[in-house]
C-alpha atoms as a PDB file:
ATOM      1  CA  UNK A   1      23.736  15.250 -36.846  1.00  0.00           C
ATOM      2  CA  UNK A   2      26.278  13.821 -34.681  1.00  0.00           C
ATOM      3  CA  UNK A   3      25.789  13.225 -30.771  1.00  0.00           C
ATOM      4  CA  UNK A   4      28.878  14.720 -28.976  1.00  0.00           C
ATOM      5  CA  UNK A   5      27.840  13.343 -25.686  1.00  0.00           C
ATOM      6  CA  UNK A   6      28.580   9.716 -26.585  1.00  0.00           C
ATOM      7  CA  UNK A   7      31.950   8.281 -27.339  1.00  0.00           C
ATOM      8  CA  UNK A   8      32.389   5.162 -29.458  1.00  0.00           C
ATOM      9  CA  UNK A   9      32.795   2.759 -26.539  1.00  0.00           C
ATOM     10  CA  UNK A  10      29.621   4.276 -25.057  1.00  0.00           C
ATOM     11  CA  UNK A  11      27.667   3.496 -28.039  1.00  0.00           C
ATOM     12  CA  UNK A  12      29.151  -0.235 -27.825  1.00  0.00           C
ATOM     13  CA  UNK A  13      27.961  -0.375 -24.247  1.00  0.00           C
ATOM     14  CA  UNK A  14      24.470   0.850 -25.245  1.00  0.00           C
ATOM     15  CA  UNK A  15      24.281  -1.783 -27.960  1.00  0.00           C
ATOM     16  CA  UNK A  16      25.343  -4.481 -25.414  1.00  0.00           C
ATOM     17  CA  UNK A  17      22.675  -3.180 -22.830  1.00  0.00           C
ATOM     18  CA  UNK A  18      20.005  -3.088 -25.466  1.00  0.00           C
ATOM     19  CA  UNK A  19      20.875  -6.713 -26.781  1.00  0.00           C
ATOM     20  CA  UNK A  20      20.768  -7.986 -23.069  1.00  0.00           C
ATOM     21  CA  UNK A  21      17.433  -6.408 -22.310  1.00  0.00           C
ATOM     22  CA  UNK A  22      16.056  -7.592 -25.597  1.00  0.00           C
ATOM     23  CA  UNK A  23      16.980 -11.202 -24.882  1.00  0.00           C
ATOM     24  CA  UNK A  24      15.791 -10.980 -21.331  1.00  0.00           C
ATOM     25  CA  UNK A  25      12.392  -9.523 -22.189  1.00  0.00           C
ATOM     26  CA  UNK A  26      12.046 -12.178 -24.883  1.00  0.00           C
ATOM     27  CA  UNK A  27      12.820 -14.905 -22.427  1.00  0.00           C
ATOM     28  CA  UNK A  28      10.597 -13.474 -19.849  1.00  0.00           C
ATOM     29  CA  UNK A  29       7.604 -12.919 -22.178  1.00  0.00           C
ATOM     30  CA  UNK A  30       8.131 -16.540 -23.607  1.00  0.00           C
ATOM     31  CA  UNK A  31       8.140 -17.985 -19.955  1.00  0.00           C
ATOM     32  CA  UNK A  32       4.770 -16.285 -19.248  1.00  0.00           C
ATOM     33  CA  UNK A  33       3.109 -17.224 -22.256  1.00  0.00           C
ATOM     34  CA  UNK A  34       4.003 -20.818 -22.795  1.00  0.00           C
ATOM     35  CA  UNK A  35       2.143 -23.631 -21.264  1.00  0.00           C
ATOM     36  CA  UNK A  36       3.735 -25.350 -18.060  1.00  0.00           C
ATOM     37  CA  UNK A  37       2.449 -28.926 -18.030  1.00  0.00           C
ATOM     38  CA  UNK A  38       5.266 -31.230 -16.684  1.00  0.00           C
ATOM     39  CA  UNK A  39       4.784 -34.916 -16.774  1.00  0.00           C
ATOM     40  CA  UNK A  40       7.027 -38.115 -16.269  1.00  0.00           C
ATOM     41  CA  UNK A  41       7.474 -38.588 -19.928  1.00  0.00           C
ATOM     42  CA  UNK A  42       8.704 -35.178 -20.475  1.00  0.00           C
ATOM     43  CA  UNK A  43      11.222 -35.738 -17.405  1.00  0.00           C
ATOM     44  CA  UNK A  44      12.807 -38.854 -18.807  1.00  0.00           C
ATOM     45  CA  UNK A  45      16.016 -38.711 -20.732  1.00  0.00           C
ATOM     46  CA  UNK A  46      15.901 -38.230 -24.427  1.00  0.00           C
ATOM     47  CA  UNK A  47      18.082 -40.488 -26.478  1.00  0.00           C
ATOM     48  CA  UNK A  48      17.199 -39.775 -30.101  1.00  0.00           C
ATOM     49  CA  UNK A  49      13.767 -40.879 -29.912  1.00  0.00           C
ATOM     50  CA  UNK A  50      14.514 -44.202 -28.326  1.00  0.00           C
ATOM     51  CA  UNK A  51      13.663 -45.510 -24.934  1.00  0.00           C
ATOM     52  CA  UNK A  52      16.548 -45.074 -22.590  1.00  0.00           C
ATOM     53  CA  UNK A  53      18.205 -48.298 -21.651  1.00  0.00           C
ATOM     54  CA  UNK A  54      20.441 -48.643 -18.472  1.00  0.00           C
ATOM     55  CA  UNK A  55      22.335 -45.606 -16.804  1.00  0.00           C
ATOM     56  CA  UNK A  56      23.852 -42.685 -18.828  1.00  0.00           C
ATOM     57  CA  UNK A  57      27.199 -43.519 -17.025  1.00  0.00           C
ATOM     58  CA  UNK A  58      28.708 -45.515 -19.816  1.00  0.00           C
ATOM     59  CA  UNK A  59      32.188 -45.649 -21.463  1.00  0.00           C
ATOM     60  CA  UNK A  60      32.312 -43.221 -24.288  1.00  0.00           C
ATOM     61  CA  UNK A  61      34.605 -43.983 -27.373  1.00  0.00           C
ATOM     62  CA  UNK A  62      37.225 -41.399 -27.580  1.00  0.00           C
ATOM     63  CA  UNK A  63      37.386 -41.716 -31.347  1.00  0.00           C
ATOM     64  CA  UNK A  64      34.230 -39.631 -31.475  1.00  0.00           C
ATOM     65  CA  UNK A  65      36.343 -36.676 -30.247  1.00  0.00           C
ATOM     66  CA  UNK A  66      39.267 -37.385 -32.320  1.00  0.00           C
ATOM     67  CA  UNK A  67      37.002 -37.484 -35.698  1.00  0.00           C
ATOM     68  CA  UNK A  68      35.740 -34.107 -34.396  1.00  0.00           C
ATOM     69  CA  UNK A  69      39.034 -32.480 -33.962  1.00  0.00           C
ATOM     70  CA  UNK A  70      40.068 -33.639 -37.344  1.00  0.00           C
ATOM     71  CA  UNK A  71      36.851 -32.469 -38.842  1.00  0.00           C
ATOM     72  CA  UNK A  72      37.513 -28.920 -37.159  1.00  0.00           C
ATOM     73  CA  UNK A  73      41.043 -28.943 -38.374  1.00  0.00           C
ATOM     74  CA  UNK A  74      39.932 -29.194 -41.878  1.00  0.00           C
ATOM     75  CA  UNK A  75      37.165 -26.528 -41.558  1.00  0.00           C
ATOM     76  CA  UNK A  76      40.005 -24.244 -40.114  1.00  0.00           C
ATOM     77  CA  UNK A  77      41.812 -25.045 -43.354  1.00  0.00           C
ATOM     78  CA  UNK A  78      38.852 -24.038 -45.491  1.00  0.00           C
ATOM     79  CA  UNK A  79      38.398 -20.814 -43.561  1.00  0.00           C
ATOM     80  CA  UNK A  80      42.029 -19.801 -44.410  1.00  0.00           C
ATOM     81  CA  UNK A  81      41.946 -21.200 -48.066  1.00  0.00           C
ATOM     82  CA  UNK A  82      39.045 -19.080 -49.229  1.00  0.00           C
ATOM     83  CA  UNK A  83      40.601 -15.516 -48.455  1.00  0.00           C
ATOM     84  CA  UNK A  84      43.943 -16.879 -49.807  1.00  0.00           C
ATOM     85  CA  UNK A  85      42.182 -17.833 -53.070  1.00  0.00           C
ATOM     86  CA  UNK A  86      40.651 -14.464 -53.219  1.00  0.00           C
ATOM     87  CA  UNK A  87      43.772 -12.623 -52.782  1.00  0.00           C
ATOM     88  CA  UNK A  88      45.720 -14.964 -55.004  1.00  0.00           C
ATOM     89  CA  UNK A  89      43.262 -14.473 -57.829  1.00  0.00           C
ATOM     90  CA  UNK A  90      43.709 -10.634 -57.663  1.00  0.00           C
ATOM     91  CA  UNK A  91      45.777 -10.001 -60.739  1.00  0.00           C
ATOM     92  CA  UNK A  92      46.413  -6.292 -59.972  1.00  0.00           C
ATOM     93  CA  UNK A  93      48.045  -7.235 -56.589  1.00  0.00           C
ATOM     94  CA  UNK A  94      50.348  -9.697 -58.402  1.00  0.00           C
ATOM     95  CA  UNK A  95      51.254  -7.207 -61.007  1.00  0.00           C
ATOM     96  CA  UNK A  96      52.128  -4.522 -58.446  1.00  0.00           C
ATOM     97  CA  UNK A  97      54.584  -6.952 -56.651  1.00  0.00           C
ATOM     98  CA  UNK A  98      56.163  -8.364 -60.068  1.00  0.00           C
ATOM     99  CA  UNK A  99      54.730 -11.623 -59.316  1.00  0.00           C
ATOM    100  CA  UNK A 100      56.579 -11.957 -55.818  1.00  0.00           C
ATOM    101  CA  UNK A 101      53.358 -11.963 -53.998  1.00  0.00           C
ATOM    102  CA  UNK A 102      51.778 -14.677 -56.048  1.00  0.00           C
ATOM    103  CA  UNK A 103      54.729 -17.043 -55.423  1.00  0.00           C
ATOM    104  CA  UNK A 104      55.044 -16.120 -51.827  1.00  0.00           C
ATOM    105  CA  UNK A 105      51.417 -16.811 -51.182  1.00  0.00           C
ATOM    106  CA  UNK A 106      51.322 -19.940 -53.326  1.00  0.00           C
ATOM    107  CA  UNK A 107      54.457 -21.409 -51.308  1.00  0.00           C
ATOM    108  CA  UNK A 108      52.775 -20.370 -48.015  1.00  0.00           C
ATOM    109  CA  UNK A 109      49.697 -22.191 -48.954  1.00  0.00           C
ATOM    110  CA  UNK A 110      51.545 -25.411 -50.159  1.00  0.00           C
ATOM    111  CA  UNK A 111      53.441 -25.528 -46.787  1.00  0.00           C
ATOM    112  CA  UNK A 112      50.121 -25.121 -45.051  1.00  0.00           C
ATOM    113  CA  UNK A 113      48.330 -27.826 -46.883  1.00  0.00           C
ATOM    114  CA  UNK A 114      51.473 -30.125 -46.568  1.00  0.00           C
ATOM    115  CA  UNK A 115      51.365 -29.706 -42.754  1.00  0.00           C
ATOM    116  CA  UNK A 116      47.774 -30.569 -42.763  1.00  0.00           C
ATOM    117  CA  UNK A 117      48.269 -33.590 -44.977  1.00  0.00           C
ATOM    118  CA  UNK A 118      51.138 -34.852 -42.514  1.00  0.00           C
ATOM    119  CA  UNK A 119      48.616 -34.572 -39.810  1.00  0.00           C
ATOM    120  CA  UNK A 120      46.119 -36.596 -41.740  1.00  0.00           C
ATOM    121  CA  UNK A 121      48.562 -39.160 -42.695  1.00  0.00           C
ATOM    122  CA  UNK A 122      49.517 -39.384 -38.990  1.00  0.00           C
ATOM    123  CA  UNK A 123      45.922 -39.788 -37.851  1.00  0.00           C
ATOM    124  CA  UNK A 124      45.331 -42.346 -40.617  1.00  0.00           C
ATOM    125  CA  UNK A 125      48.309 -44.382 -39.787  1.00  0.00           C
ATOM    126  CA  UNK A 126      47.631 -44.474 -35.960  1.00  0.00           C
ATOM    127  CA  UNK A 127      44.271 -45.842 -36.905  1.00  0.00           C
ATOM    128  CA  UNK A 128      42.230 -42.807 -35.838  1.00  0.00           C
ATOM    129  CA  UNK A 129      40.098 -42.869 -38.809  1.00  0.00           C
ATOM    130  CA  UNK A 130      39.350 -46.413 -38.724  1.00  0.00           C
ATOM    131  CA  UNK A 131      35.610 -46.649 -37.546  1.00  0.00           C
ATOM    132  CA  UNK A 132      35.177 -49.884 -35.314  1.00  0.00           C
ATOM    133  CA  UNK A 133      32.251 -50.296 -33.418  1.00  0.00           C
ATOM    134  CA  UNK A 134      33.187 -50.080 -29.754  1.00  0.00           C
ATOM    135  CA  UNK A 135      32.494 -52.861 -27.182  1.00  0.00           C
ATOM    136  CA  UNK A 136      31.166 -50.930 -24.351  1.00  0.00           C
ATOM    137  CA  UNK A 137      31.657 -52.449 -20.799  1.00  0.00           C
ATOM    138  CA  UNK A 138      29.071 -52.171 -18.183  1.00  0.00           C
ATOM    139  CA  UNK A 139      29.928 -50.082 -15.351  1.00  0.00           C
ATOM    140  CA  UNK A 140      29.543 -50.635 -11.503  1.00  0.00           C
ATOM    141  CA  UNK A 141      27.493 -47.408 -11.271  1.00  0.00           C
ATOM    142  CA  UNK A 142      24.176 -47.951  -9.474  1.00  0.00           C
ATOM    143  CA  UNK A 143      21.412 -45.421 -10.169  1.00  0.00           C
ATOM    144  CA  UNK A 144      19.952 -43.965  -6.924  1.00  0.00           C
ATOM    145  CA  UNK A 145      16.473 -44.287  -8.696  1.00  0.00           C
ATOM    146  CA  UNK A 146      15.170 -47.771  -8.613  1.00  0.00           C
ATOM    147  CA  UNK A 147      14.786 -49.270 -12.093  1.00  0.00           C
ATOM    148  CA  UNK A 148      11.253 -50.553 -11.243  1.00  0.00           C
ATOM    149  CA  UNK A 149      10.292 -46.834 -11.165  1.00  0.00           C
ATOM    150  CA  UNK A 150      11.370 -46.356 -14.861  1.00  0.00           C
ATOM    151  CA  UNK A 151       9.859 -49.503 -16.047  1.00  0.00           C
ATOM    152  CA  UNK A 152       6.529 -48.738 -14.427  1.00  0.00           C
ATOM    153  CA  UNK A 153       6.466 -45.313 -15.960  1.00  0.00           C
ATOM    154  CA  UNK A 154       7.288 -46.706 -19.360  1.00  0.00           C
ATOM    155  CA  UNK A 155       4.744 -49.413 -19.180  1.00  0.00           C
ATOM    156  CA  UNK A 156       2.028 -46.851 -18.130  1.00  0.00           C
ATOM    157  CA  UNK A 157       2.719 -44.697 -21.199  1.00  0.00           C
ATOM    158  CA  UNK A 158       3.034 -47.709 -23.414  1.00  0.00           C
ATOM    159  CA  UNK A 159      -0.633 -48.697 -22.495  1.00  0.00           C
ATOM    160  CA  UNK A 160      -1.970 -45.241 -23.603  1.00  0.00           C
END
């Protein structure tokens, strides 16, 4: 039985509203159920389980971002490579086009991979893939919170 009162877009709107209500209600219920016991240790900065040293305003090596972008580039290549391989492996499609589709898609993918290889060679030749430990320089930033406060809190929790 179909519902003639709702169009396709109103069904989408109902799904969006239902999803928002579900997420909102789940967050509200979890807020009321969970324990709320803040303390100084929970309020400190988390650095992979290590005690924070110094301020967080340090110079960050740009190579982290470059490596991440190169990684995303090759992930996108894989996203395009799988559907291409699926279509290229379809023998019926190649037979229907007398092999033209197969050669066209193969040429297209070789050009695509060649462009990516040129990009990789460019990044490699410029030294973006050389992983050299950076030499961070201290900054002139002074924290508004005195460092004695942090050391006192850390010593207090080390004694426990």
